[in-house]
Amino acid sequence: KEELMKQKALTIALEKMNEKCKALIESELDNRVKLKDLQVDLGFKNYQALVQAKYNCKKRLTRLVFSVLKELRSI
């Protein structure tokens, strides 16, 4: 049950993310997508900006997951 709740929290948190963040997070999970290929597609001026955005998205996702998990547990 706990594992299912964590998966649901992750799904809900991902839905709340903007499209750029979703693409960056999905690239982390999909080995076929290279981060460098996303640079132009997502409109980043340089690779460092892309890496920083990915870091910020992962941080935001983590906070969202914990927030959603807290909500789910209180139900």
Protein backbone atom coordinates (compact mmCIF):
# COMPACT_ATOMS: atom_id res chain seq x y z
CA LYS A 1 0.00 0.00 0.00
CA GLU A 2 2.81 2.42 0.86
CA GLU A 3 4.57 1.77 -2.46
CA LEU A 4 1.33 2.39 -4.34
CA MET A 5 0.83 5.66 -2.47
CA LYS A 6 4.37 6.79 -3.37
CA GLN A 7 3.78 6.00 -7.04
CA LYS A 8 0.51 7.92 -7.00
CA ALA A 9 2.24 10.89 -5.35
CA LEU A 10 4.92 10.87 -8.03
CA THR A 11 2.32 10.73 -10.81
CA ILE A 12 0.32 13.61 -9.32
CA ALA A 13 3.47 15.68 -8.76
CA LEU A 14 4.62 15.12 -12.35
CA GLU A 15 1.22 16.27 -13.63
CA LYS A 16 1.69 19.55 -11.74
CA MET A 17 5.05 20.26 -13.40
CA ASN A 18 5.37 22.47 -16.49
CA GLU A 19 6.14 20.92 -19.89
CA LYS A 20 9.86 21.75 -19.83
CA CYS A 21 10.30 20.11 -16.46
CA LYS A 22 8.31 17.07 -17.54
CA ALA A 23 10.58 16.67 -20.58
CA LEU A 24 13.73 17.02 -18.45
CA ILE A 25 12.51 14.51 -15.87
CA GLU A 26 11.42 12.07 -18.56
CA SER A 27 14.85 12.35 -20.18
CA GLU A 28 16.29 11.16 -16.88
CA LEU A 29 14.14 8.03 -17.07
CA ASP A 30 14.57 7.33 -20.79
CA ASN A 31 18.08 6.26 -21.79
CA ARG A 32 17.33 6.90 -25.47
CA VAL A 33 16.87 10.65 -24.94
CA LYS A 34 20.12 12.57 -24.68
CA LEU A 35 20.06 15.70 -22.56
CA LYS A 36 22.12 17.59 -25.14
CA ASP A 37 19.43 16.90 -27.78
CA LEU A 38 16.83 18.63 -25.61
CA GLN A 39 18.84 21.86 -25.40
CA VAL A 40 17.57 23.25 -28.71
CA ASP A 41 14.13 21.64 -28.48
CA LEU A 42 13.43 23.25 -25.11
CA GLY A 43 15.00 26.60 -26.02
CA PHE A 44 18.01 26.71 -23.71
CA LYS A 45 20.87 28.98 -24.80
CA ASN A 46 23.58 26.68 -23.54
CA TYR A 47 24.13 23.29 -21.98
CA GLN A 48 24.85 24.74 -18.52
CA ALA A 49 21.44 26.44 -18.45
CA LEU A 50 19.85 23.12 -19.35
CA VAL A 51 21.68 21.28 -16.58
CA GLN A 52 20.69 23.96 -14.06
CA ALA A 53 17.05 23.79 -15.15
CA LYS A 54 17.08 20.00 -14.77
CA TYR A 55 18.50 20.34 -11.25
CA ASN A 56 15.82 22.89 -10.34
CA CYS A 57 13.07 20.67 -11.77
CA LYS A 58 14.27 17.65 -9.81
CA LYS A 59 14.34 19.74 -6.64
CA ARG A 60 10.81 21.04 -7.30
CA LEU A 61 9.57 17.54 -8.11
CA THR A 62 10.99 16.19 -4.85
CA ARG A 63 9.23 18.91 -2.83
CA LEU A 64 5.97 18.30 -4.71
CA VAL A 65 6.13 14.54 -4.15
CA PHE A 66 6.55 14.99 -0.40
CA SER A 67 3.74 17.54 -0.32
CA VAL A 68 1.35 15.26 -2.25
CA LEU A 69 2.37 12.27 -0.15
CA LYS A 70 1.56 14.22 3.01
CA GLU A 71 -1.87 15.09 1.57
CA LEU A 72 -2.54 11.46 0.57
CA ARG A 73 -1.62 10.17 4.02
CA SER A 74 -3.96 12.63 5.73
CA ILE A 75 -6.97 11.34 3.76
